[in-house]
């Protein structure tokens, strides 16, 4: 069973940067499109960035120009680099296939506040 372990969250001031990592167990990571999702309190989980198995990327409008998704197939890891963070980016961030297909991990909390 594939396990997803997200890390790198924390408290950051508005305008700051943060980098998230997601380690994916299993040997078939490279064949999957992956995504970063987030869920804010009282809101539905949403896709913020996706990356195809070939490296093509897509972003939610709210993330364009500020977030960068990447992957390292040799390390079974997908990354999300975030800059110019805003309070509305506060959420629990998760990775999963795009569209989702694995059991969700614990996520990592990102809080943007002064």
Protein backbone atom coordinates (compact mmCIF):
# COMPACT_ATOMS: atom_id res chain seq x y z
CA UNK A 1 0.00 0.00 0.00
CA UNK A 2 1.36 3.38 -1.01
CA UNK A 3 2.07 5.78 1.82
CA UNK A 4 2.32 9.54 1.50
CA UNK A 5 4.37 11.53 3.99
CA UNK A 6 4.18 15.29 3.71
CA UNK A 7 6.62 17.59 5.49
CA UNK A 8 7.93 21.13 5.54
CA UNK A 9 4.96 23.08 6.79
CA UNK A 10 5.10 25.71 9.49
CA UNK A 11 4.34 29.26 10.47
CA UNK A 12 5.46 31.96 8.07
CA UNK A 13 4.79 35.67 7.82
CA UNK A 14 2.85 37.12 4.89
CA UNK A 15 5.16 37.53 1.94
CA UNK A 16 7.39 34.71 3.11
CA UNK A 17 8.39 31.45 1.46
CA UNK A 18 8.09 27.81 2.36
CA UNK A 19 9.01 24.52 0.72
CA UNK A 20 7.01 21.33 1.12
CA UNK A 21 8.08 17.76 0.39
CA UNK A 22 6.07 14.60 -0.09
CA UNK A 23 7.74 11.21 0.07
CA UNK A 24 5.83 8.46 -1.72
CA UNK A 25 6.48 4.82 -0.92
CA UNK A 26 6.37 2.18 -3.61
CA UNK A 27 8.15 1.56 -6.88
CA UNK A 28 5.66 2.97 -9.36
CA UNK A 29 5.90 6.66 -8.42
CA UNK A 30 7.27 7.71 -11.79
CA UNK A 31 4.20 6.58 -13.72
CA UNK A 32 1.74 8.73 -11.80
CA UNK A 33 0.71 12.32 -12.23
CA UNK A 34 0.95 13.91 -8.81
CA UNK A 35 -0.62 16.90 -7.18
CA UNK A 36 -0.52 19.11 -4.14
CA UNK A 37 -3.85 19.81 -2.51
CA UNK A 38 -4.89 21.96 0.40
CA UNK A 39 -7.81 22.15 2.76
CA UNK A 40 -8.57 25.23 4.79
CA UNK A 41 -10.92 25.12 7.79
CA UNK A 42 -14.51 24.90 6.65
CA UNK A 43 -13.56 24.48 3.01
CA UNK A 44 -13.28 21.57 0.62
CA UNK A 45 -9.94 20.16 -0.36
CA UNK A 46 -8.68 21.72 -3.58
CA UNK A 47 -5.90 21.02 -6.05
CA UNK A 48 -3.34 23.81 -6.05
CA UNK A 49 -0.69 22.32 -8.35
CA UNK A 50 -0.22 19.23 -10.48
CA UNK A 51 2.68 17.64 -12.30
CA UNK A 52 2.48 14.98 -14.96
CA UNK A 53 4.78 12.00 -15.08
CA UNK A 54 6.65 13.83 -17.85
CA UNK A 55 7.06 16.99 -15.79
CA UNK A 56 4.30 19.14 -17.24
CA UNK A 57 2.76 21.39 -14.62
CA UNK A 58 -0.54 23.08 -13.93
CA UNK A 59 -1.67 25.46 -11.21
CA UNK A 60 -4.80 26.79 -9.66
CA UNK A 61 -5.31 30.45 -10.40
CA UNK A 62 -4.58 31.25 -6.76
CA UNK A 63 -1.17 29.58 -7.05
CA UNK A 64 0.02 30.78 -10.44
CA UNK A 65 3.20 32.79 -10.28
CA UNK A 66 3.77 31.99 -6.60
CA UNK A 67 3.91 28.20 -6.30
CA UNK A 68 6.21 25.79 -8.13
CA UNK A 69 5.66 22.04 -8.18
CA UNK A 70 8.45 19.65 -9.07
CA UNK A 71 9.29 16.00 -8.71
CA UNK A 72 12.32 13.78 -8.32
CA UNK A 73 11.47 10.32 -9.59
CA UNK A 74 14.74 8.89 -8.29
CA UNK A 75 13.74 9.93 -4.76
CA UNK A 76 10.01 9.20 -5.09
CA UNK A 77 9.39 12.75 -3.93
CA UNK A 78 7.23 15.63 -5.06
CA UNK A 79 7.90 19.19 -3.94
CA UNK A 80 5.97 22.41 -3.65
CA UNK A 81 7.89 25.65 -3.38
CA UNK A 82 5.72 28.53 -2.24
CA UNK A 83 6.60 32.21 -2.21
CA UNK A 84 4.77 35.48 -1.60
CA UNK A 85 2.54 33.62 0.82
CA UNK A 86 -0.75 35.16 1.87
CA UNK A 87 -2.96 34.53 4.91
CA UNK A 88 -5.46 32.84 2.59
CA UNK A 89 -2.83 30.18 1.83
CA UNK A 90 -3.26 28.92 5.38
CA UNK A 91 -4.37 25.29 5.15
CA UNK A 92 -3.31 21.70 5.59
CA UNK A 93 -1.39 20.70 2.49
CA UNK A 94 -1.51 17.18 1.10
CA UNK A 95 -0.04 15.37 -1.85
CA UNK A 96 -1.72 12.62 -3.83
CA UNK A 97 -2.12 11.41 -7.35
CA UNK A 98 -3.84 13.76 -9.79
CA UNK A 99 -6.67 12.93 -9.68
CA UNK A 100 -6.47 11.46 -6.17
CA UNK A 101 -6.06 7.71 -5.96
CA UNK A 102 -3.96 6.92 -2.92
CA UNK A 103 -5.03 6.96 0.70
CA UNK A 104 -4.48 10.44 2.04
CA UNK A 105 -1.53 11.12 4.31
CA UNK A 106 -1.53 13.28 7.40
CA UNK A 107 -0.74 16.44 5.53
CA UNK A 108 1.40 19.32 6.71
CA UNK A 109 0.03 22.51 8.24
CA UNK A 110 0.93 25.81 6.64
CA UNK A 111 0.00 28.92 8.59
CA UNK A 112 0.57 32.37 7.13
CA UNK A 113 0.22 34.98 9.81
CA UNK A 114 2.00 37.97 11.27
